[in-house]
C-alpha atoms as a PDB file:
ATOM      1  CA  MET A   1    -150.589   8.503-102.747  1.00  0.00           C
ATOM      2  CA  LYS A   2    -148.054   5.765-101.979  1.00  0.00           C
ATOM      3  CA  ALA A   3    -146.707   7.769 -99.040  1.00  0.00           C
ATOM      4  CA  ALA A   4    -150.233   8.217 -97.641  1.00  0.00           C
ATOM      5  CA  MET A   5    -150.915   4.475 -97.867  1.00  0.00           C
ATOM      6  CA  THR A   6    -147.624   3.754 -96.092  1.00  0.00           C
ATOM      7  CA  LEU A   7    -148.565   6.090 -93.249  1.00  0.00           C
ATOM      8  CA  CYS A   8    -151.993   4.495 -92.998  1.00  0.00           C
ATOM      9  CA  LEU A   9    -150.536   0.991 -92.782  1.00  0.00           C
ATOM     10  CA  ALA A  10    -148.053   2.120 -90.138  1.00  0.00           C
ATOM     11  CA  PHE A  11    -150.879   3.607 -88.073  1.00  0.00           C
ATOM     12  CA  LEU A  12    -152.900   0.382 -88.317  1.00  0.00           C
ATOM     13  CA  CYS A  13    -149.887  -1.641 -87.189  1.00  0.00           C
ATOM     14  CA  MET A  14    -149.433   0.652 -84.187  1.00  0.00           C
ATOM     15  CA  CYS A  15    -153.088   0.189 -83.235  1.00  0.00           C
ATOM     16  CA  CYS A  16    -152.810  -3.593 -83.484  1.00  0.00           C
ATOM     17  CA  ASN A  17    -149.662  -3.628 -81.376  1.00  0.00           C
ATOM     18  CA  THR A  18    -151.348  -1.678 -78.592  1.00  0.00           C
ATOM     19  CA  THR A  19    -154.189  -4.237 -78.367  1.00  0.00           C
ATOM     20  CA  LYS A  20    -153.288  -6.249 -75.298  1.00  0.00           C
ATOM     21  CA  LYS A  21    -153.919  -9.969 -75.295  1.00  0.00           C
ATOM     22  CA  LYS A  22    -153.202 -12.406 -72.522  1.00  0.00           C
ATOM     23  CA  GLU A  23    -150.142 -14.523 -73.200  1.00  0.00           C
ATOM     24  CA  ASP A  24    -150.548 -18.200 -72.428  1.00  0.00           C
ATOM     25  CA  HIS A  25    -148.231 -19.261 -69.621  1.00  0.00           C
ATOM     26  CA  HIS A  26    -148.068 -22.011 -67.023  1.00  0.00           C
ATOM     27  CA  ILE A  27    -149.839 -24.196 -69.592  1.00  0.00           C
ATOM     28  CA  ILE A  28    -151.304 -27.443 -68.256  1.00  0.00           C
ATOM     29  CA  SER A  29    -152.895 -30.139 -70.389  1.00  0.00           C
ATOM     30  CA  VAL A  30    -155.936 -31.571 -68.596  1.00  0.00           C
ATOM     31  CA  LYS A  31    -157.241 -35.045 -69.398  1.00  0.00           C
ATOM     32  CA  LYS A  32    -160.958 -35.784 -69.572  1.00  0.00           C
ATOM     33  CA  SER A  33    -162.417 -38.199 -67.042  1.00  0.00           C
ATOM     34  CA  PRO A  34    -164.111 -41.148 -68.795  1.00  0.00           C
ATOM     35  CA  HIS A  35    -166.308 -41.760 -65.745  1.00  0.00           C
ATOM     36  CA  PRO A  36    -168.314 -39.487 -63.407  1.00  0.00           C
ATOM     37  CA  ILE A  37    -166.386 -38.015 -60.476  1.00  0.00           C
ATOM     38  CA  ALA A  38    -168.098 -38.223 -57.099  1.00  0.00           C
ATOM     39  CA  ILE A  39    -167.341 -35.174 -54.975  1.00  0.00           C
ATOM     40  CA  ASP A  40    -166.636 -36.857 -51.648  1.00  0.00           C
ATOM     41  CA  GLY A  41    -163.164 -35.607 -50.701  1.00  0.00           C
ATOM     42  CA  LYS A  42    -161.599 -38.950 -51.595  1.00  0.00           C
ATOM     43  CA  ALA A  43    -159.331 -39.585 -54.588  1.00  0.00           C
ATOM     44  CA  THR A  44    -160.927 -42.929 -55.464  1.00  0.00           C
ATOM     45  CA  GLU A  45    -161.636 -42.286 -59.164  1.00  0.00           C
ATOM     46  CA  ASN A  46    -159.299 -43.854 -61.703  1.00  0.00           C
ATOM     47  CA  ILE A  47    -158.545 -40.480 -63.327  1.00  0.00           C
ATOM     48  CA  TRP A  48    -156.891 -39.221 -60.124  1.00  0.00           C
ATOM     49  CA  ALA A  49    -154.452 -42.143 -60.148  1.00  0.00           C
ATOM     50  CA  HIS A  50    -153.252 -41.133 -63.618  1.00  0.00           C
ATOM     51  CA  ALA A  51    -153.375 -37.321 -63.450  1.00  0.00           C
ATOM     52  CA  ASN A  52    -150.166 -35.396 -62.709  1.00  0.00           C
ATOM     53  CA  TRP A  53    -149.568 -33.446 -59.514  1.00  0.00           C
ATOM     54  CA  HIS A  54    -148.917 -29.699 -59.894  1.00  0.00           C
ATOM     55  CA  ALA A  55    -147.226 -27.613 -57.224  1.00  0.00           C
ATOM     56  CA  LEU A  56    -148.936 -25.064 -55.008  1.00  0.00           C
ATOM     57  CA  ASP A  57    -145.743 -23.320 -53.918  1.00  0.00           C
ATOM     58  CA  GLN A  58    -145.711 -19.622 -54.905  1.00  0.00           C
ATOM     59  CA  ASN A  59    -145.806 -17.367 -51.827  1.00  0.00           C
ATOM     60  CA  TRP A  60    -147.983 -14.519 -53.053  1.00  0.00           C
ATOM     61  CA  LEU A  61    -148.413 -12.908 -49.650  1.00  0.00           C
ATOM     62  CA  GLY A  62    -146.781 -13.242 -46.244  1.00  0.00           C
ATOM     63  CA  GLY A  63    -143.404 -14.159 -44.822  1.00  0.00           C
ATOM     64  CA  PHE A  64    -141.353 -17.315 -44.928  1.00  0.00           C
ATOM     65  CA  TYR A  65    -143.147 -20.480 -43.827  1.00  0.00           C
ATOM     66  CA  GLU A  66    -141.848 -23.921 -42.926  1.00  0.00           C
ATOM     67  CA  HIS A  67    -142.707 -26.969 -45.030  1.00  0.00           C
ATOM     68  CA  ASP A  68    -144.376 -28.537 -41.982  1.00  0.00           C
ATOM     69  CA  ASP A  69    -146.556 -25.433 -41.599  1.00  0.00           C
ATOM     70  CA  PHE A  70    -147.874 -25.632 -45.155  1.00  0.00           C
ATOM     71  CA  ASN A  71    -147.328 -27.542 -48.367  1.00  0.00           C
ATOM     72  CA  GLY A  72    -149.747 -28.377 -51.137  1.00  0.00           C
ATOM     73  CA  HIS A  73    -150.289 -29.710 -54.639  1.00  0.00           C
ATOM     74  CA  TYR A  74    -153.218 -30.420 -56.947  1.00  0.00           C
ATOM     75  CA  LYS A  75    -154.541 -32.442 -59.896  1.00  0.00           C
ATOM     76  CA  LEU A  76    -157.056 -31.565 -62.617  1.00  0.00           C
ATOM     77  CA  SER A  77    -159.662 -33.269 -64.777  1.00  0.00           C
ATOM     78  CA  TRP A  78    -162.837 -32.358 -66.658  1.00  0.00           C
ATOM     79  CA  ASP A  79    -165.958 -33.586 -68.383  1.00  0.00           C
ATOM     80  CA  GLU A  80    -168.684 -31.818 -70.366  1.00  0.00           C
ATOM     81  CA  ASP A  81    -170.309 -30.568 -67.164  1.00  0.00           C
ATOM     82  CA  ALA A  82    -167.467 -29.272 -65.004  1.00  0.00           C
ATOM     83  CA  LEU A  83    -163.796 -28.743 -64.300  1.00  0.00           C
ATOM     84  CA  TYR A  84    -162.530 -30.883 -61.406  1.00  0.00           C
ATOM     85  CA  VAL A  85    -159.730 -30.126 -58.959  1.00  0.00           C
ATOM     86  CA  LEU A  86    -158.204 -32.457 -56.403  1.00  0.00           C
ATOM     87  CA  VAL A  87    -156.186 -30.502 -53.829  1.00  0.00           C
ATOM     88  CA  GLU A  88    -154.006 -32.027 -51.140  1.00  0.00           C
ATOM     89  CA  ILE A  89    -152.973 -29.632 -48.381  1.00  0.00           C
ATOM     90  CA  THR A  90    -150.698 -30.351 -45.443  1.00  0.00           C
ATOM     91  CA  ASP A  91    -151.403 -27.686 -42.829  1.00  0.00           C
ATOM     92  CA  ASP A  92    -150.792 -27.926 -39.095  1.00  0.00           C
ATOM     93  CA  VAL A  93    -153.804 -25.714 -38.237  1.00  0.00           C
ATOM     94  CA  LEU A  94    -157.211 -25.383 -39.956  1.00  0.00           C
ATOM     95  CA  PHE A  95    -158.704 -22.080 -38.827  1.00  0.00           C
ATOM     96  CA  ASP A  96    -162.211 -20.728 -39.387  1.00  0.00           C
ATOM     97  CA  GLN A  97    -162.797 -17.679 -37.202  1.00  0.00           C
ATOM     98  CA  TYR A  98    -165.655 -15.964 -39.071  1.00  0.00           C
ATOM     99  CA  LYS A  99    -168.987 -17.798 -39.165  1.00  0.00           C
ATOM    100  CA  ASP A 100    -170.498 -15.102 -41.408  1.00  0.00           C
ATOM    101  CA  PRO A 101    -169.297 -16.241 -44.868  1.00  0.00           C
ATOM    102  CA  LEU A 102    -169.320 -12.655 -46.179  1.00  0.00           C
ATOM    103  CA  LYS A 103    -167.103 -11.238 -43.432  1.00  0.00           C
ATOM    104  CA  LEU A 104    -163.325 -11.110 -43.991  1.00  0.00           C
ATOM    105  CA  TRP A 105    -163.563 -14.450 -45.794  1.00  0.00           C
ATOM    106  CA  TRP A 106    -159.965 -14.260 -47.053  1.00  0.00           C
ATOM    107  CA  ASN A 107    -158.585 -14.366 -43.493  1.00  0.00           C
ATOM    108  CA  ASP A 108    -159.833 -17.906 -42.840  1.00  0.00           C
ATOM    109  CA  ASP A 109    -158.247 -21.051 -44.195  1.00  0.00           C
ATOM    110  CA  CYS A 110    -159.750 -21.526 -47.652  1.00  0.00           C
ATOM    111  CA  VAL A 111    -159.019 -22.718 -51.167  1.00  0.00           C
ATOM    112  CA  GLU A 112    -159.245 -20.020 -53.827  1.00  0.00           C
ATOM    113  CA  VAL A 113    -159.976 -20.939 -57.438  1.00  0.00           C
ATOM    114  CA  PHE A 114    -159.472 -18.426 -60.252  1.00  0.00           C
ATOM    115  CA  ILE A 115    -161.386 -19.112 -63.490  1.00  0.00           C
ATOM    116  CA  ASP A 116    -161.431 -17.205 -66.785  1.00  0.00           C
ATOM    117  CA  GLU A 117    -163.771 -19.139 -69.087  1.00  0.00           C
ATOM    118  CA  ASP A 118    -162.421 -17.825 -72.397  1.00  0.00           C
ATOM    119  CA  ASN A 119    -158.807 -17.320 -71.228  1.00  0.00           C
ATOM    120  CA  SER A 120    -159.036 -13.691 -72.347  1.00  0.00           C
ATOM    121  CA  GLY A 121    -157.271 -12.165 -69.335  1.00  0.00           C
ATOM    122  CA  GLY A 122    -157.858  -8.592 -68.243  1.00  0.00           C
ATOM    123  CA  LEU A 123    -159.316  -6.912 -65.182  1.00  0.00           C
ATOM    124  CA  HIS A 124    -162.166  -8.604 -63.313  1.00  0.00           C
ATOM    125  CA  GLN A 125    -162.226  -7.191 -59.761  1.00  0.00           C
ATOM    126  CA  PHE A 126    -165.809  -5.950 -60.059  1.00  0.00           C
ATOM    127  CA  SER A 127    -166.969  -7.840 -63.136  1.00  0.00           C
ATOM    128  CA  HIS A 128    -167.544 -11.394 -64.311  1.00  0.00           C
ATOM    129  CA  ASN A 129    -164.816 -11.235 -66.921  1.00  0.00           C
ATOM    130  CA  ALA A 130    -163.300 -13.840 -64.581  1.00  0.00           C
ATOM    131  CA  PHE A 131    -164.103 -15.273 -61.147  1.00  0.00           C
ATOM    132  CA  ALA A 132    -162.079 -15.555 -57.925  1.00  0.00           C
ATOM    133  CA  TYR A 133    -163.924 -18.130 -55.846  1.00  0.00           C
ATOM    134  CA  HIS A 134    -163.019 -18.436 -52.153  1.00  0.00           C
ATOM    135  CA  ILE A 135    -164.112 -21.905 -50.963  1.00  0.00           C
ATOM    136  CA  ALA A 136    -164.480 -21.897 -47.189  1.00  0.00           C
ATOM    137  CA  LEU A 137    -164.080 -24.843 -44.856  1.00  0.00           C
ATOM    138  CA  ASP A 138    -167.876 -24.938 -44.477  1.00  0.00           C
ATOM    139  CA  GLY A 139    -168.355 -25.106 -48.266  1.00  0.00           C
ATOM    140  CA  ASN A 140    -169.540 -21.537 -48.848  1.00  0.00           C
ATOM    141  CA  VAL A 141    -168.197 -19.902 -52.021  1.00  0.00           C
ATOM    142  CA  VAL A 142    -167.566 -16.120 -52.060  1.00  0.00           C
ATOM    143  CA  ASP A 143    -166.503 -13.635 -54.730  1.00  0.00           C
ATOM    144  CA  LEU A 144    -166.948  -9.918 -55.230  1.00  0.00           C
ATOM    145  CA  ALA A 145    -169.939  -9.033 -57.389  1.00  0.00           C
ATOM    146  CA  PRO A 146    -170.135  -6.164 -59.920  1.00  0.00           C
ATOM    147  CA  ASN A 147    -171.888  -4.084 -57.243  1.00  0.00           C
ATOM    148  CA  LYS A 148    -168.566  -4.241 -55.315  1.00  0.00           C
ATOM    149  CA  GLU A 149    -170.132  -6.308 -52.535  1.00  0.00           C
ATOM    150  CA  PRO A 150    -169.271  -9.911 -51.606  1.00  0.00           C
ATOM    151  CA  GLN A 151    -171.765 -12.505 -52.733  1.00  0.00           C
ATOM    152  CA  LEU A 152    -172.249 -16.256 -52.364  1.00  0.00           C
ATOM    153  CA  TYR A 153    -171.791 -18.278 -55.559  1.00  0.00           C
ATOM    154  CA  ASN A 154    -172.529 -21.671 -54.019  1.00  0.00           C
ATOM    155  CA  GLU A 155    -174.271 -22.891 -57.190  1.00  0.00           C
ATOM    156  CA  HIS A 156    -170.975 -22.512 -59.108  1.00  0.00           C
ATOM    157  CA  ILE A 157    -168.948 -24.966 -57.044  1.00  0.00           C
ATOM    158  CA  VAL A 158    -169.482 -28.243 -55.213  1.00  0.00           C
ATOM    159  CA  SER A 159    -166.714 -29.197 -52.783  1.00  0.00           C
ATOM    160  CA  LYS A 160    -165.971 -31.738 -50.106  1.00  0.00           C
ATOM    161  CA  HIS A 161    -162.861 -32.181 -47.978  1.00  0.00           C
ATOM    162  CA  THR A 162    -161.615 -34.872 -45.644  1.00  0.00           C
ATOM    163  CA  THR A 163    -158.793 -34.573 -43.110  1.00  0.00           C
ATOM    164  CA  GLU A 164    -156.444 -37.242 -41.805  1.00  0.00           C
ATOM    165  CA  GLY A 165    -153.820 -35.990 -39.381  1.00  0.00           C
ATOM    166  CA  GLN A 166    -152.495 -32.755 -40.865  1.00  0.00           C
ATOM    167  CA  THR A 167    -153.427 -33.609 -44.478  1.00  0.00           C
ATOM    168  CA  THR A 168    -156.673 -32.334 -45.976  1.00  0.00           C
ATOM    169  CA  THR A 169    -157.904 -33.595 -49.347  1.00  0.00           C
ATOM    170  CA  TRP A 170    -160.290 -31.319 -51.233  1.00  0.00           C
ATOM    171  CA  GLU A 171    -162.348 -32.527 -54.184  1.00  0.00           C
ATOM    172  CA  ILE A 172    -163.932 -29.694 -56.144  1.00  0.00           C
ATOM    173  CA  ALA A 173    -166.327 -29.503 -59.113  1.00  0.00           C
ATOM    174  CA  ILE A 174    -166.416 -26.109 -60.842  1.00  0.00           C
ATOM    175  CA  TYR A 175    -169.294 -25.225 -63.161  1.00  0.00           C
ATOM    176  CA  VAL A 176    -167.771 -22.758 -65.606  1.00  0.00           C
ATOM    177  CA  TYR A 177    -169.638 -19.556 -66.459  1.00  0.00           C
ATOM    178  CA  ASP A 178    -168.630 -17.005 -69.077  1.00  0.00           C
ATOM    179  CA  ASP A 179    -168.552 -13.209 -68.900  1.00  0.00           C
ATOM    180  CA  THR A 180    -172.236 -12.879 -69.808  1.00  0.00           C
ATOM    181  CA  TYR A 181    -173.114 -14.075 -66.302  1.00  0.00           C
ATOM    182  CA  VAL A 182    -175.666 -11.806 -64.593  1.00  0.00           C
ATOM    183  CA  ASP A 183    -176.237 -11.992 -60.849  1.00  0.00           C
ATOM    184  CA  GLY A 184    -179.800 -13.060 -60.211  1.00  0.00           C
ATOM    185  CA  GLY A 185    -180.318 -13.957 -63.865  1.00  0.00           C
ATOM    186  CA  ASN A 186    -181.045 -17.224 -65.636  1.00  0.00           C
ATOM    187  CA  ASN A 187    -177.469 -18.361 -66.172  1.00  0.00           C
ATOM    188  CA  ILE A 188    -176.378 -21.647 -67.711  1.00  0.00           C
ATOM    189  CA  PRO A 189    -172.837 -23.006 -67.217  1.00  0.00           C
ATOM    190  CA  LYS A 190    -170.762 -23.664 -70.301  1.00  0.00           C
ATOM    191  CA  THR A 191    -170.492 -27.135 -71.783  1.00  0.00           C
ATOM    192  CA  LEU A 192    -166.800 -28.013 -71.860  1.00  0.00           C
ATOM    193  CA  ASN A 193    -165.101 -29.647 -74.822  1.00  0.00           C
ATOM    194  CA  SER A 194    -161.738 -30.836 -76.014  1.00  0.00           C
ATOM    195  CA  ALA A 195    -159.201 -28.178 -77.162  1.00  0.00           C
ATOM    196  CA  LYS A 196    -160.879 -25.479 -75.048  1.00  0.00           C
ATOM    197  CA  LYS A 197    -158.571 -23.110 -73.179  1.00  0.00           C
ATOM    198  CA  ILE A 198    -159.476 -21.845 -69.709  1.00  0.00           C
ATOM    199  CA  GLY A 199    -157.599 -19.279 -67.640  1.00  0.00           C
ATOM    200  CA  PHE A 200    -156.833 -20.850 -64.274  1.00  0.00           C
ATOM    201  CA  ALA A 201    -154.937 -20.389 -61.046  1.00  0.00           C
ATOM    202  CA  LEU A 202    -155.241 -21.943 -57.630  1.00  0.00           C
ATOM    203  CA  ALA A 203    -154.300 -20.596 -54.204  1.00  0.00           C
ATOM    204  CA  TYR A 204    -154.644 -21.280 -50.500  1.00  0.00           C
ATOM    205  CA  CYS A 205    -155.211 -18.795 -47.688  1.00  0.00           C
ATOM    206  CA  ASP A 206    -153.330 -20.097 -44.646  1.00  0.00           C
ATOM    207  CA  ASN A 207    -154.090 -18.823 -41.164  1.00  0.00           C
ATOM    208  CA  ASP A 208    -152.722 -20.480 -38.038  1.00  0.00           C
ATOM    209  CA  SER A 209    -154.987 -18.628 -35.557  1.00  0.00           C
ATOM    210  CA  SER A 210    -154.015 -15.012 -36.305  1.00  0.00           C
ATOM    211  CA  THR A 211    -156.339 -12.065 -36.865  1.00  0.00           C
ATOM    212  CA  GLU A 212    -155.288 -12.017 -40.543  1.00  0.00           C
ATOM    213  CA  ARG A 213    -154.093 -14.759 -42.860  1.00  0.00           C
ATOM    214  CA  GLU A 214    -150.366 -15.340 -42.567  1.00  0.00           C
ATOM    215  CA  ASN A 215    -149.737 -16.562 -46.102  1.00  0.00           C
ATOM    216  CA  PHE A 216    -151.403 -16.693 -49.476  1.00  0.00           C
ATOM    217  CA  ILE A 217    -149.799 -19.456 -51.546  1.00  0.00           C
ATOM    218  CA  GLY A 218    -150.541 -19.707 -55.280  1.00  0.00           C
ATOM    219  CA  SER A 219    -149.942 -22.011 -58.215  1.00  0.00           C
ATOM    220  CA  VAL A 220    -148.393 -19.601 -60.740  1.00  0.00           C
ATOM    221  CA  PHE A 221    -145.394 -17.289 -60.626  1.00  0.00           C
ATOM    222  CA  VAL A 222    -146.396 -13.612 -60.545  1.00  0.00           C
ATOM    223  CA  PRO A 223    -143.636 -11.139 -61.492  1.00  0.00           C
ATOM    224  CA  GLY A 224    -143.044  -7.912 -59.621  1.00  0.00           C
ATOM    225  CA  GLU A 225    -143.313  -6.904 -55.968  1.00  0.00           C
ATOM    226  CA  ASP A 226    -147.098  -7.111 -55.609  1.00  0.00           C
ATOM    227  CA  LYS A 227    -147.985 -10.747 -56.245  1.00  0.00           C
ATOM    228  CA  ASN A 228    -151.514 -10.570 -54.830  1.00  0.00           C
ATOM    229  CA  GLN A 229    -153.004  -9.768 -58.247  1.00  0.00           C
ATOM    230  CA  GLY A 230    -155.246 -12.722 -59.034  1.00  0.00           C
ATOM    231  CA  TRP A 231    -158.405 -11.185 -57.563  1.00  0.00           C
ATOM    232  CA  ILE A 232    -157.960  -8.154 -59.829  1.00  0.00           C
ATOM    233  CA  ASN A 233    -156.172  -9.203 -63.027  1.00  0.00           C
ATOM    234  CA  ALA A 234    -156.789 -12.431 -64.961  1.00  0.00           C
ATOM    235  CA  ASP A 235    -153.601 -11.903 -66.972  1.00  0.00           C
ATOM    236  CA  ILE A 236    -151.677 -13.653 -64.201  1.00  0.00           C
ATOM    237  CA  PHE A 237    -153.771 -16.831 -64.548  1.00  0.00           C
ATOM    238  CA  GLY A 238    -152.167 -19.845 -66.150  1.00  0.00           C
ATOM    239  CA  THR A 239    -153.788 -21.633 -69.084  1.00  0.00           C
ATOM    240  CA  LEU A 240    -155.547 -24.998 -69.045  1.00  0.00           C
ATOM    241  CA  LEU A 241    -155.833 -26.921 -72.324  1.00  0.00           C
ATOM    242  CA  LEU A 242    -158.617 -29.509 -72.178  1.00  0.00           C
ATOM    243  CA  GLU A 243    -157.811 -32.804 -73.886  1.00  0.00           C
ATOM    244  CA  GLU A 244    -159.567 -36.139 -74.413  1.00  0.00           C
END
């Protein structure tokens, strides 16, 4: 009897060990904004003066690029309604070759925001387990839907950018939806609160007038040879910890 119980316990331990769970990494504490943030592409709110910059410097795709060609960093904040991102990009060319927002959207200059509401990780290429929002220069927001077709998710994100010289400042409000989201359904964004964890990564598609984007620069280190994994696997996302 004792031997049978030992075998049973060993089997249960093996089953538990094979259950994969996302490991928190690239953890960022995000302070709540005490005042509303106006999405106008200008860092005028007090919270932006006190939030820390985070680097956008991981070359996920493409060859070597010069600092003058591209460099970027970002800040974060939140309130009950949304997650906010301030992105500052220095780029010598802003390129938007496709006017159809659902055509080869990743080959234009765009900001890409990766969101996993419950920080659970896992595959999401054709599901809403997580989202990979491509925010175009014209404000359109594209991700792949569960039907494997691109779709606009403009109601999920409000963005505005301003450009001075070669520096573009993006201000972005992200309404966070969980994995129960149904395309065409009556969906309500989550109310955010302190101590919540959100899976998150940021990236920029950089194209200096080529047929295809030349670089894809992300915010988190991705191990292995194939670093272009964010649109498929939420395990590579970092972790945001919301704080008062």
